[in-house]
């Protein structure tokens, strides 16, 4: 039901990722972050903007699912069973 790991949607469009998971405060913060970023972007060169965007994708994508998992744990949702990992070539 909940996968941990890198989230491409959160990396590229944090606002939509947050709305999809009903994290409305994070969605609002991402809108403010985007507006401030658009206001400040012309002051820096294109190379800096590209590097900042790449860093943003990596950070948001890597931290989004662990943040969501932490919020679920904090609200009382617990994992009661997990499917065991399977190794290719080994019988289950």
PDB file of N, CA and C in Angstrom:
ATOM      1  N   UNK A   1       0.810  -1.179   0.000  1.00  0.00           N
ATOM      2  CA  UNK A   1       0.000   0.000   0.000  1.00  0.00           C
ATOM      3  C   UNK A   1       0.864   1.258   0.000  1.00  0.00           C
ATOM      4  N   UNK A   2       1.967   1.225   0.687  1.00  0.00           N
ATOM      5  CA  UNK A   2       2.868   2.388   0.740  1.00  0.00           C
ATOM      6  C   UNK A   2       4.264   1.913   0.397  1.00  0.00           C
ATOM      7  N   UNK A   3       4.832   2.493  -0.632  1.00  0.00           N
ATOM      8  CA  UNK A   3       6.171   2.099  -1.042  1.00  0.00           C
ATOM      9  C   UNK A   3       7.179   3.131  -0.583  1.00  0.00           C
ATOM     10  N   UNK A   4       8.292   2.661  -0.082  1.00  0.00           N
ATOM     11  CA  UNK A   4       9.367   3.583   0.266  1.00  0.00           C
ATOM     12  C   UNK A   4      10.390   3.544  -0.858  1.00  0.00           C
ATOM     13  N   UNK A   5      11.150   4.575  -0.950  1.00  0.00           N
ATOM     14  CA  UNK A   5      12.143   4.675  -2.006  1.00  0.00           C
ATOM     15  C   UNK A   5      12.020   6.007  -2.709  1.00  0.00           C
ATOM     16  N   UNK A   6      12.661   6.131  -3.854  1.00  0.00           N
ATOM     17  CA  UNK A   6      12.693   7.392  -4.587  1.00  0.00           C
ATOM     18  C   UNK A   6      11.345   7.643  -5.260  1.00  0.00           C
ATOM     19  N   UNK A   7      10.852   8.855  -5.167  1.00  0.00           N
ATOM     20  CA  UNK A   7       9.587   9.232  -5.792  1.00  0.00           C
ATOM     21  C   UNK A   7       9.849  10.266  -6.881  1.00  0.00           C
ATOM     22  N   UNK A   8       9.676   9.853  -8.117  1.00  0.00           N
ATOM     23  CA  UNK A   8       9.902  10.775  -9.226  1.00  0.00           C
ATOM     24  C   UNK A   8       8.865  11.884  -9.229  1.00  0.00           C
ATOM     25  N   UNK A   9       7.617  11.558  -8.895  1.00  0.00           N
ATOM     26  CA  UNK A   9       6.577  12.580  -8.883  1.00  0.00           C
ATOM     27  C   UNK A   9       6.893  13.662  -7.854  1.00  0.00           C
ATOM     28  N   UNK A  10       7.325  13.263  -6.670  1.00  0.00           N
ATOM     29  CA  UNK A  10       7.677  14.250  -5.648  1.00  0.00           C
ATOM     30  C   UNK A  10       8.891  15.065  -6.069  1.00  0.00           C
ATOM     31  N   UNK A  11       9.828  14.435  -6.739  1.00  0.00           N
ATOM     32  CA  UNK A  11      11.014  15.156  -7.187  1.00  0.00           C
ATOM     33  C   UNK A  11      10.715  16.213  -8.226  1.00  0.00           C
ATOM     34  N   UNK A  12       9.810  15.908  -9.131  1.00  0.00           N
ATOM     35  CA  UNK A  12       9.513  16.833 -10.227  1.00  0.00           C
ATOM     36  C   UNK A  12       8.362  17.773  -9.878  1.00  0.00           C
ATOM     37  N   UNK A  13       7.339  17.260  -9.205  1.00  0.00           N
ATOM     38  CA  UNK A  13       6.145  18.071  -8.894  1.00  0.00           C
ATOM     39  C   UNK A  13       5.699  17.783  -7.470  1.00  0.00           C
ATOM     40  N   UNK A  14       6.378  18.360  -6.504  1.00  0.00           N
ATOM     41  CA  UNK A  14       6.082  18.119  -5.098  1.00  0.00           C
ATOM     42  C   UNK A  14       4.641  18.478  -4.748  1.00  0.00           C
ATOM     43  N   UNK A  15       4.126  19.551  -5.334  1.00  0.00           N
ATOM     44  CA  UNK A  15       2.763  19.983  -5.056  1.00  0.00           C
ATOM     45  C   UNK A  15       1.760  18.871  -5.360  1.00  0.00           C
ATOM     46  N   UNK A  16       1.854  18.265  -6.542  1.00  0.00           N
ATOM     47  CA  UNK A  16       0.908  17.213  -6.927  1.00  0.00           C
ATOM     48  C   UNK A  16       1.104  15.947  -6.105  1.00  0.00           C
ATOM     49  N   UNK A  17       2.341  15.624  -5.776  1.00  0.00           N
ATOM     50  CA  UNK A  17       2.613  14.469  -4.923  1.00  0.00           C
ATOM     51  C   UNK A  17       1.963  14.665  -3.557  1.00  0.00           C
ATOM     52  N   UNK A  18       2.098  15.869  -2.992  1.00  0.00           N
ATOM     53  CA  UNK A  18       1.516  16.153  -1.679  1.00  0.00           C
ATOM     54  C   UNK A  18      -0.009  16.108  -1.739  1.00  0.00           C
ATOM     55  N   UNK A  19      -0.610  16.651  -2.782  1.00  0.00           N
ATOM     56  CA  UNK A  19      -2.069  16.598  -2.913  1.00  0.00           C
ATOM     57  C   UNK A  19      -2.563  15.161  -3.053  1.00  0.00           C
ATOM     58  N   UNK A  20      -1.827  14.360  -3.789  1.00  0.00           N
ATOM     59  CA  UNK A  20      -2.208  12.958  -3.985  1.00  0.00           C
ATOM     60  C   UNK A  20      -2.266  12.215  -2.650  1.00  0.00           C
ATOM     61  N   UNK A  21      -1.419  12.610  -1.707  1.00  0.00           N
ATOM     62  CA  UNK A  21      -1.362  11.955  -0.397  1.00  0.00           C
ATOM     63  C   UNK A  21      -2.063  12.756   0.702  1.00  0.00           C
ATOM     64  N   UNK A  22      -2.812  13.771   0.311  1.00  0.00           N
ATOM     65  CA  UNK A  22      -3.577  14.616   1.236  1.00  0.00           C
ATOM     66  C   UNK A  22      -2.698  15.305   2.277  1.00  0.00           C
ATOM     67  N   UNK A  23      -1.535  15.725   1.860  1.00  0.00           N
ATOM     68  CA  UNK A  23      -0.625  16.483   2.713  1.00  0.00           C
ATOM     69  C   UNK A  23      -0.753  17.954   2.317  1.00  0.00           C
ATOM     70  N   UNK A  24      -1.836  18.561   2.757  1.00  0.00           N
ATOM     71  CA  UNK A  24      -2.196  19.897   2.291  1.00  0.00           C
ATOM     72  C   UNK A  24      -1.224  20.980   2.768  1.00  0.00           C
ATOM     73  N   UNK A  25      -0.718  20.853   3.970  1.00  0.00           N
ATOM     74  CA  UNK A  25       0.247  21.838   4.452  1.00  0.00           C
ATOM     75  C   UNK A  25       1.526  21.784   3.614  1.00  0.00           C
ATOM     76  N   UNK A  26       2.003  20.585   3.303  1.00  0.00           N
ATOM     77  CA  UNK A  26       3.186  20.449   2.457  1.00  0.00           C
ATOM     78  C   UNK A  26       2.914  20.989   1.052  1.00  0.00           C
ATOM     79  N   UNK A  27       1.705  20.786   0.542  1.00  0.00           N
ATOM     80  CA  UNK A  27       1.345  21.330  -0.771  1.00  0.00           C
ATOM     81  C   UNK A  27       1.402  22.858  -0.749  1.00  0.00           C
ATOM     82  N   UNK A  28       0.890  23.465   0.318  1.00  0.00           N
ATOM     83  CA  UNK A  28       0.929  24.927   0.434  1.00  0.00           C
ATOM     84  C   UNK A  28       2.364  25.426   0.542  1.00  0.00           C
ATOM     85  N   UNK A  29       3.182  24.734   1.319  1.00  0.00           N
ATOM     86  CA  UNK A  29       4.591  25.116   1.454  1.00  0.00           C
ATOM     87  C   UNK A  29       5.300  25.001   0.104  1.00  0.00           C
ATOM     88  N   UNK A  30       4.975  23.976  -0.664  1.00  0.00           N
ATOM     89  CA  UNK A  30       5.623  23.815  -1.971  1.00  0.00           C
ATOM     90  C   UNK A  30       5.221  24.927  -2.934  1.00  0.00           C
ATOM     91  N   UNK A  31       3.989  25.429  -2.820  1.00  0.00           N
ATOM     92  CA  UNK A  31       3.588  26.561  -3.658  1.00  0.00           C
ATOM     93  C   UNK A  31       4.371  27.816  -3.298  1.00  0.00           C
ATOM     94  N   UNK A  32       4.532  28.069  -2.011  1.00  0.00           N
ATOM     95  CA  UNK A  32       5.315  29.227  -1.567  1.00  0.00           C
ATOM     96  C   UNK A  32       6.762  29.076  -2.014  1.00  0.00           C
ATOM     97  N   UNK A  33       7.314  27.873  -1.848  1.00  0.00           N
ATOM     98  CA  UNK A  33       8.687  27.595  -2.264  1.00  0.00           C
ATOM     99  C   UNK A  33       8.862  27.858  -3.769  1.00  0.00           C
ATOM    100  N   UNK A  34       7.903  27.396  -4.560  1.00  0.00           N
ATOM    101  CA  UNK A  34       7.969  27.607  -5.997  1.00  0.00           C
ATOM    102  C   UNK A  34       7.865  29.068  -6.386  1.00  0.00           C
ATOM    103  N   UNK A  35       6.987  29.813  -5.695  1.00  0.00           N
ATOM    104  CA  UNK A  35       6.837  31.237  -5.992  1.00  0.00           C
ATOM    105  C   UNK A  35       8.109  32.009  -5.655  1.00  0.00           C
ATOM    106  N   UNK A  36       8.680  31.725  -4.498  1.00  0.00           N
ATOM    107  CA  UNK A  36       9.928  32.388  -4.106  1.00  0.00           C
ATOM    108  C   UNK A  36      11.049  32.015  -5.075  1.00  0.00           C
ATOM    109  N   UNK A  37      11.094  30.749  -5.461  1.00  0.00           N
ATOM    110  CA  UNK A  37      12.115  30.316  -6.422  1.00  0.00           C
ATOM    111  C   UNK A  37      11.993  31.017  -7.759  1.00  0.00           C
ATOM    112  N   UNK A  38      10.750  31.225  -8.223  1.00  0.00           N
ATOM    113  CA  UNK A  38      10.543  31.915  -9.500  1.00  0.00           C
ATOM    114  C   UNK A  38      10.895  33.395  -9.407  1.00  0.00           C
ATOM    115  N   UNK A  39      10.695  33.985  -8.251  1.00  0.00           N
ATOM    116  CA  UNK A  39      11.047  35.395  -8.077  1.00  0.00           C
ATOM    117  C   UNK A  39      12.561  35.573  -8.050  1.00  0.00           C
ATOM    118  N   UNK A  40      13.257  34.651  -7.375  1.00  0.00           N
ATOM    119  CA  UNK A  40      14.711  34.773  -7.231  1.00  0.00           C
ATOM    120  C   UNK A  40      15.500  34.205  -8.410  1.00  0.00           C
ATOM    121  N   UNK A  41      14.889  33.379  -9.239  1.00  0.00           N
ATOM    122  CA  UNK A  41      15.601  32.700 -10.319  1.00  0.00           C
ATOM    123  C   UNK A  41      16.321  33.638 -11.292  1.00  0.00           C
ATOM    124  N   UNK A  42      15.716  34.747 -11.720  1.00  0.00           N
ATOM    125  CA  UNK A  42      16.420  35.607 -12.685  1.00  0.00           C
ATOM    126  C   UNK A  42      17.710  36.228 -12.146  1.00  0.00           C
ATOM    127  N   UNK A  43      17.866  36.250 -10.842  1.00  0.00           N
ATOM    128  CA  UNK A  43      19.076  36.854 -10.272  1.00  0.00           C
ATOM    129  C   UNK A  43      20.305  35.958 -10.418  1.00  0.00           C
ATOM    130  N   UNK A  44      20.093  34.693 -10.680  1.00  0.00           N
ATOM    131  CA  UNK A  44      21.199  33.738 -10.799  1.00  0.00           C
ATOM    132  C   UNK A  44      21.333  33.290 -12.241  1.00  0.00           C
ATOM    133  N   UNK A  45      22.476  32.747 -12.578  1.00  0.00           N
ATOM    134  CA  UNK A  45      22.712  32.283 -13.938  1.00  0.00           C
ATOM    135  C   UNK A  45      21.991  30.983 -14.232  1.00  0.00           C
ATOM    136  N   UNK A  46      21.927  30.656 -15.504  1.00  0.00           N
ATOM    137  CA  UNK A  46      21.235  29.451 -15.945  1.00  0.00           C
ATOM    138  C   UNK A  46      21.895  28.188 -15.391  1.00  0.00           C
ATOM    139  N   UNK A  47      23.208  28.191 -15.289  1.00  0.00           N
ATOM    140  CA  UNK A  47      23.917  27.025 -14.742  1.00  0.00           C
ATOM    141  C   UNK A  47      23.543  26.772 -13.289  1.00  0.00           C
ATOM    142  N   UNK A  48      23.444  27.831 -12.512  1.00  0.00           N
ATOM    143  CA  UNK A  48      23.044  27.693 -11.105  1.00  0.00           C
ATOM    144  C   UNK A  48      21.613  27.193 -11.005  1.00  0.00           C
ATOM    145  N   UNK A  49      20.734  27.707 -11.854  1.00  0.00           N
ATOM    146  CA  UNK A  49      19.337  27.271 -11.837  1.00  0.00           C
ATOM    147  C   UNK A  49      19.214  25.795 -12.168  1.00  0.00           C
ATOM    148  N   UNK A  50      19.963  25.324 -13.147  1.00  0.00           N
ATOM    149  CA  UNK A  50      19.920  23.913 -13.535  1.00  0.00           C
ATOM    150  C   UNK A  50      20.442  23.031 -12.409  1.00  0.00           C
ATOM    151  N   UNK A  51      21.528  23.449 -11.776  1.00  0.00           N
ATOM    152  CA  UNK A  51      22.077  22.682 -10.658  1.00  0.00           C
ATOM    153  C   UNK A  51      21.113  22.668  -9.477  1.00  0.00           C
ATOM    154  N   UNK A  52      20.475  23.800  -9.198  1.00  0.00           N
ATOM    155  CA  UNK A  52      19.511  23.872  -8.097  1.00  0.00           C
ATOM    156  C   UNK A  52      18.308  22.983  -8.374  1.00  0.00           C
ATOM    157  N   UNK A  53      17.829  22.947  -9.621  1.00  0.00           N
ATOM    158  CA  UNK A  53      16.701  22.086  -9.969  1.00  0.00           C
ATOM    159  C   UNK A  53      17.070  20.614  -9.820  1.00  0.00           C
ATOM    160  N   UNK A  54      18.262  20.236 -10.292  1.00  0.00           N
ATOM    161  CA  UNK A  54      18.707  18.847 -10.165  1.00  0.00           C
ATOM    162  C   UNK A  54      18.809  18.448  -8.698  1.00  0.00           C
ATOM    163  N   UNK A  55      19.354  19.324  -7.868  1.00  0.00           N
ATOM    164  CA  UNK A  55      19.451  19.048  -6.440  1.00  0.00           C
ATOM    165  C   UNK A  55      18.064  18.937  -5.808  1.00  0.00           C
ATOM    166  N   UNK A  56      17.155  19.796  -6.231  1.00  0.00           N
ATOM    167  CA  UNK A  56      15.784  19.763  -5.723  1.00  0.00           C
ATOM    168  C   UNK A  56      15.119  18.428  -6.061  1.00  0.00           C
ATOM    169  N   UNK A  57      15.259  17.961  -7.282  1.00  0.00           N
ATOM    170  CA  UNK A  57      14.662  16.685  -7.683  1.00  0.00           C
ATOM    171  C   UNK A  57      15.225  15.554  -6.835  1.00  0.00           C
ATOM    172  N   UNK A  58      16.517  15.537  -6.626  1.00  0.00           N
ATOM    173  CA  UNK A  58      17.149  14.479  -5.842  1.00  0.00           C
ATOM    174  C   UNK A  58      16.684  14.513  -4.384  1.00  0.00           C
ATOM    175  N   UNK A  59      16.697  15.691  -3.785  1.00  0.00           N
ATOM    176  CA  UNK A  59      16.334  15.810  -2.368  1.00  0.00           C
ATOM    177  C   UNK A  59      14.859  15.519  -2.151  1.00  0.00           C
ATOM    178  N   UNK A  60      13.976  16.164  -2.921  1.00  0.00           N
ATOM    179  CA  UNK A  60      12.542  15.948  -2.741  1.00  0.00           C
ATOM    180  C   UNK A  60      12.165  14.503  -3.051  1.00  0.00           C
ATOM    181  N   UNK A  61      12.727  13.943  -4.110  1.00  0.00           N
ATOM    182  CA  UNK A  61      12.413  12.565  -4.476  1.00  0.00           C
ATOM    183  C   UNK A  61      12.880  11.556  -3.446  1.00  0.00           C
ATOM    184  N   UNK A  62      14.030  11.811  -2.858  1.00  0.00           N
ATOM    185  CA  UNK A  62      14.577  10.870  -1.874  1.00  0.00           C
ATOM    186  C   UNK A  62      13.888  10.984  -0.514  1.00  0.00           C
ATOM    187  N   UNK A  63      13.467  12.172  -0.135  1.00  0.00           N
ATOM    188  CA  UNK A  63      12.910  12.371   1.199  1.00  0.00           C
ATOM    189  C   UNK A  63      11.388  12.284   1.269  1.00  0.00           C
ATOM    190  N   UNK A  64      10.708  12.309   0.142  1.00  0.00           N
ATOM    191  CA  UNK A  64       9.249  12.367   0.143  1.00  0.00           C
ATOM    192  C   UNK A  64       8.608  11.124   0.757  1.00  0.00           C
ATOM    193  N   UNK A  65       8.949   9.945   0.290  1.00  0.00           N
ATOM    194  CA  UNK A  65       8.313   8.734   0.812  1.00  0.00           C
ATOM    195  C   UNK A  65       8.679   8.451   2.268  1.00  0.00           C
ATOM    196  N   UNK A  66       9.932   8.624   2.694  1.00  0.00           N
ATOM    197  CA  UNK A  66      10.197   8.478   4.133  1.00  0.00           C
ATOM    198  C   UNK A  66       9.424   9.489   4.987  1.00  0.00           C
ATOM    199  N   UNK A  67       9.254  10.715   4.487  1.00  0.00           N
ATOM    200  CA  UNK A  67       8.461  11.705   5.204  1.00  0.00           C
ATOM    201  C   UNK A  67       7.014  11.249   5.318  1.00  0.00           C
ATOM    202  N   UNK A  68       6.467  10.739   4.228  1.00  0.00           N
ATOM    203  CA  UNK A  68       5.092  10.257   4.246  1.00  0.00           C
ATOM    204  C   UNK A  68       4.939   9.083   5.207  1.00  0.00           C
ATOM    205  N   UNK A  69       5.889   8.184   5.190  1.00  0.00           N
ATOM    206  CA  UNK A  69       5.861   7.030   6.112  1.00  0.00           C
ATOM    207  C   UNK A  69       5.903   7.511   7.560  1.00  0.00           C
ATOM    208  N   UNK A  70       6.759   8.489   7.853  1.00  0.00           N
ATOM    209  CA  UNK A  70       6.863   9.025   9.208  1.00  0.00           C
ATOM    210  C   UNK A  70       5.547   9.667   9.637  1.00  0.00           C
ATOM    211  N   UNK A  71       4.927  10.418   8.723  1.00  0.00           N
ATOM    212  CA  UNK A  71       3.644  11.044   9.039  1.00  0.00           C
ATOM    213  C   UNK A  71       2.555  10.003   9.285  1.00  0.00           C
ATOM    214  N   UNK A  72       2.565   8.928   8.511  1.00  0.00           N
ATOM    215  CA  UNK A  72       1.595   7.856   8.738  1.00  0.00           C
ATOM    216  C   UNK A  72       1.818   7.204  10.097  1.00  0.00           C
ATOM    217  N   UNK A  73       3.068   6.933  10.444  1.00  0.00           N
ATOM    218  CA  UNK A  73       3.379   6.362  11.762  1.00  0.00           C
ATOM    219  C   UNK A  73       2.926   7.297  12.876  1.00  0.00           C
ATOM    220  N   UNK A  74       3.158   8.566  12.692  1.00  0.00           N
ATOM    221  CA  UNK A  74       2.795   9.561  13.699  1.00  0.00           C
ATOM    222  C   UNK A  74       1.288   9.646  13.900  1.00  0.00           C
ATOM    223  N   UNK A  75       0.533   9.389  12.840  1.00  0.00           N
ATOM    224  CA  UNK A  75      -0.929   9.438  12.925  1.00  0.00           C
ATOM    225  C   UNK A  75      -1.535   8.113  13.377  1.00  0.00           C
ATOM    226  N   UNK A  76      -0.690   7.128  13.662  1.00  0.00           N
ATOM    227  CA  UNK A  76      -1.197   5.869  14.191  1.00  0.00           C
ATOM    228  C   UNK A  76      -1.311   4.732  13.199  1.00  0.00           C
ATOM    229  N   UNK A  77      -0.957   4.936  11.952  1.00  0.00           N
ATOM    230  CA  UNK A  77      -0.996   3.865  10.967  1.00  0.00           C
ATOM    231  C   UNK A  77       0.249   3.010  11.133  1.00  0.00           C
ATOM    232  N   UNK A  78       0.074   1.713  11.218  1.00  0.00           N
ATOM    233  CA  UNK A  78       1.189   0.788  11.413  1.00  0.00           C
ATOM    234  C   UNK A  78       1.155  -0.319  10.361  1.00  0.00           C
ATOM    235  N   UNK A  79       2.323  -0.786   9.982  1.00  0.00           N
ATOM    236  CA  UNK A  79       2.425  -1.940   9.099  1.00  0.00           C
ATOM    237  C   UNK A  79       2.310  -3.182   9.965  1.00  0.00           C
ATOM    238  N   UNK A  80       1.348  -4.037   9.640  1.00  0.00           N
ATOM    239  CA  UNK A  80       1.167  -5.249  10.437  1.00  0.00           C
ATOM    240  C   UNK A  80       1.739  -6.475   9.737  1.00  0.00           C
ATOM    241  N   UNK A  81       1.915  -6.403   8.443  1.00  0.00           N
ATOM    242  CA  UNK A  81       2.481  -7.532   7.709  1.00  0.00           C
ATOM    243  C   UNK A  81       3.183  -7.014   6.466  1.00  0.00           C
ATOM    244  N   UNK A  82       4.278  -7.621   6.143  1.00  0.00           N
ATOM    245  CA  UNK A  82       5.004  -7.288   4.932  1.00  0.00           C
ATOM    246  C   UNK A  82       5.300  -8.569   4.175  1.00  0.00           C
ATOM    247  N   UNK A  83       5.299  -8.463   2.880  1.00  0.00           N
ATOM    248  CA  UNK A  83       5.635  -9.606   2.051  1.00  0.00           C
ATOM    249  C   UNK A  83       7.146  -9.775   2.057  1.00  0.00           C
ATOM    250  N   UNK A  84       7.645 -10.999   2.254  1.00  0.00           N
ATOM    251  CA  UNK A  84       9.096 -11.188   2.299  1.00  0.00           C
ATOM    252  C   UNK A  84       9.738 -10.902   0.946  1.00  0.00           C
ATOM    253  N   UNK A  85      10.974 -10.414   1.005  1.00  0.00           N
ATOM    254  CA  UNK A  85      11.721 -10.155  -0.217  1.00  0.00           C
ATOM    255  C   UNK A  85      12.072 -11.470  -0.885  1.00  0.00           C
ATOM    256  N   UNK A  86      11.961 -11.530  -2.189  1.00  0.00           N
ATOM    257  CA  UNK A  86      12.334 -12.733  -2.917  1.00  0.00           C
ATOM    258  C   UNK A  86      13.630 -12.476  -3.660  1.00  0.00           C
ATOM    259  N   UNK A  87      14.466 -13.459  -3.680  1.00  0.00           N
ATOM    260  CA  UNK A  87      15.732 -13.383  -4.386  1.00  0.00           C
ATOM    261  C   UNK A  87      15.594 -14.165  -5.673  1.00  0.00           C
ATOM    262  N   UNK A  88      15.965 -13.584  -6.818  1.00  0.00           N
ATOM    263  CA  UNK A  88      15.866 -14.319  -8.087  1.00  0.00           C
ATOM    264  C   UNK A  88      16.680 -15.609  -8.039  1.00  0.00           C
ATOM    265  N   UNK A  89      16.068 -16.693  -8.507  1.00  0.00           N
ATOM    266  CA  UNK A  89      16.768 -17.957  -8.569  1.00  0.00           C
ATOM    267  C   UNK A  89      16.564 -18.838  -7.331  1.00  0.00           C
ATOM    268  N   UNK A  90      15.971 -18.338  -6.307  1.00  0.00           N
ATOM    269  CA  UNK A  90      15.716 -19.132  -5.104  1.00  0.00           C
ATOM    270  C   UNK A  90      14.225 -19.437  -5.003  1.00  0.00           C
ATOM    271  N   UNK A  91      13.928 -20.636  -4.562  1.00  0.00           N
ATOM    272  CA  UNK A  91      12.537 -21.032  -4.381  1.00  0.00           C
ATOM    273  C   UNK A  91      11.982 -20.387  -3.111  1.00  0.00           C
ATOM    274  N   UNK A  92      10.709 -20.054  -3.136  1.00  0.00           N
ATOM    275  CA  UNK A  92      10.085 -19.397  -1.985  1.00  0.00           C
ATOM    276  C   UNK A  92       9.738 -20.357  -0.877  1.00  0.00           C
TER     277      UNK A  92
END
